[in-house]
C-alpha atoms as a PDB file:
ATOM      1  CA  MET A   1      89.883 133.855  64.310  1.00  0.00           C
ATOM      2  CA  PRO A   2      88.249 130.458  63.657  1.00  0.00           C
ATOM      3  CA  PHE A   3      89.495 130.591  60.077  1.00  0.00           C
ATOM      4  CA  PHE A   4      93.128 131.000  61.109  1.00  0.00           C
ATOM      5  CA  VAL A   5      92.855 128.202  63.666  1.00  0.00           C
ATOM      6  CA  ALA A   6      91.407 125.894  61.017  1.00  0.00           C
ATOM      7  CA  LEU A   7      94.110 126.998  58.570  1.00  0.00           C
ATOM      8  CA  ALA A   8      96.868 126.185  61.064  1.00  0.00           C
ATOM      9  CA  VAL A   9      95.326 122.799  61.864  1.00  0.00           C
ATOM     10  CA  GLY A  10      95.022 122.094  58.148  1.00  0.00           C
ATOM     11  CA  ILE A  11      98.684 122.872  57.558  1.00  0.00           C
ATOM     12  CA  ILE A  12      99.768 120.709  60.492  1.00  0.00           C
ATOM     13  CA  THR A  13      97.585 117.732  59.561  1.00  0.00           C
ATOM     14  CA  GLY A  14      98.074 117.982  55.794  1.00  0.00           C
ATOM     15  CA  ARG A  15      94.331 118.427  55.151  1.00  0.00           C
ATOM     16  CA  LEU A  16      94.384 122.040  54.016  1.00  0.00           C
ATOM     17  CA  LEU A  17      91.346 122.222  51.706  1.00  0.00           C
ATOM     18  CA  PRO A  18      88.802 120.598  54.083  1.00  0.00           C
ATOM     19  CA  MET A  19      90.051 122.732  56.973  1.00  0.00           C
ATOM     20  CA  ILE A  20      89.808 125.916  54.887  1.00  0.00           C
ATOM     21  CA  ILE A  21      86.199 125.042  54.051  1.00  0.00           C
ATOM     22  CA  LEU A  22      85.466 124.242  57.702  1.00  0.00           C
ATOM     23  CA  GLY A  23      87.124 127.503  58.775  1.00  0.00           C
ATOM     24  CA  VAL A  24      84.979 129.542  56.373  1.00  0.00           C
ATOM     25  CA  VAL A  25      81.782 127.828  57.530  1.00  0.00           C
ATOM     26  CA  VAL A  26      82.590 128.211  61.223  1.00  0.00           C
ATOM     27  CA  SER A  27      83.573 131.852  60.701  1.00  0.00           C
ATOM     28  CA  ARG A  28      80.267 132.580  58.972  1.00  0.00           C
ATOM     29  CA  VAL A  29      78.250 130.873  61.716  1.00  0.00           C
ATOM     30  CA  TYR A  30      80.285 132.541  64.481  1.00  0.00           C
ATOM     31  CA  GLY A  31      79.988 135.958  62.802  1.00  0.00           C
ATOM     32  CA  GLY A  32      76.242 135.576  62.412  1.00  0.00           C
ATOM     33  CA  PHE A  33      75.944 134.537  66.046  1.00  0.00           C
ATOM     34  CA  LEU A  34      77.884 137.583  67.238  1.00  0.00           C
ATOM     35  CA  ALA A  35      75.757 139.867  65.059  1.00  0.00           C
ATOM     36  CA  ARG A  36      72.611 138.670  66.848  1.00  0.00           C
ATOM     37  CA  ALA A  37      73.891 138.166  70.408  1.00  0.00           C
ATOM     38  CA  SER A  38      76.386 139.977  72.579  1.00  0.00           C
ATOM     39  CA  GLU A  39      79.840 138.677  73.429  1.00  0.00           C
ATOM     40  CA  LYS A  40      78.778 138.150  77.042  1.00  0.00           C
ATOM     41  CA  TYR A  41      76.099 135.708  75.906  1.00  0.00           C
ATOM     42  CA  PHE A  42      78.723 133.697  74.020  1.00  0.00           C
ATOM     43  CA  MET A  43      80.869 133.575  77.169  1.00  0.00           C
ATOM     44  CA  HIS A  44      77.821 132.486  79.178  1.00  0.00           C
ATOM     45  CA  LEU A  45      77.065 129.730  76.667  1.00  0.00           C
ATOM     46  CA  CYS A  46      80.643 128.443  76.709  1.00  0.00           C
ATOM     47  CA  TYR A  47      80.718 128.422  80.521  1.00  0.00           C
ATOM     48  CA  TRP A  48      77.440 126.603  81.117  1.00  0.00           C
ATOM     49  CA  LYS A  49      77.514 124.203  78.146  1.00  0.00           C
ATOM     50  CA  PHE A  50      81.206 123.318  77.944  1.00  0.00           C
ATOM     51  CA  GLY A  51      82.761 124.494  81.221  1.00  0.00           C
ATOM     52  CA  VAL A  52      85.142 126.870  79.433  1.00  0.00           C
ATOM     53  CA  THR A  53      86.007 129.983  81.439  1.00  0.00           C
ATOM     54  CA  PHE A  54      87.438 133.267  80.184  1.00  0.00           C
ATOM     55  CA  GLY A  55      89.586 135.601  82.217  1.00  0.00           C
ATOM     56  CA  GLY A  56      90.477 133.241  85.045  1.00  0.00           C
ATOM     57  CA  GLY A  57      86.999 131.906  85.650  1.00  0.00           C
ATOM     58  CA  THR A  58      84.698 132.340  88.576  1.00  0.00           C
ATOM     59  CA  PHE A  59      84.372 130.608  91.906  1.00  0.00           C
ATOM     60  CA  VAL A  60      81.298 128.432  92.307  1.00  0.00           C
ATOM     61  CA  PRO A  61      80.938 126.743  95.706  1.00  0.00           C
ATOM     62  CA  GLU A  62      79.902 123.110  95.946  1.00  0.00           C
ATOM     63  CA  SER A  63      76.139 122.704  96.241  1.00  0.00           C
ATOM     64  CA  PHE A  64      76.357 120.136  99.037  1.00  0.00           C
ATOM     65  CA  ASP A  65      78.537 122.377 101.247  1.00  0.00           C
ATOM     66  CA  ARG A  66      76.342 123.414 104.198  1.00  0.00           C
ATOM     67  CA  GLU A  67      78.811 125.556 106.135  1.00  0.00           C
ATOM     68  CA  PHE A  68      77.510 129.097 105.990  1.00  0.00           C
ATOM     69  CA  ILE A  69      79.322 132.229 107.107  1.00  0.00           C
ATOM     70  CA  VAL A  70      77.358 133.916 109.885  1.00  0.00           C
END
């Protein structure tokens, strides 16, 4: 998947060769990461490091909200 995204960006920007190389490198790194860790860990990493949610996200209440349901 990262390869095809890089290929499309390369075609659009006119920088095909550098984007093909970047796509191959990112695909190798991403494939090696998935071979060692599960897909859920990748989703966890994206959520906590970058704020990217998959599948509609989750609800996280504000930490300063002190109204509790009794």
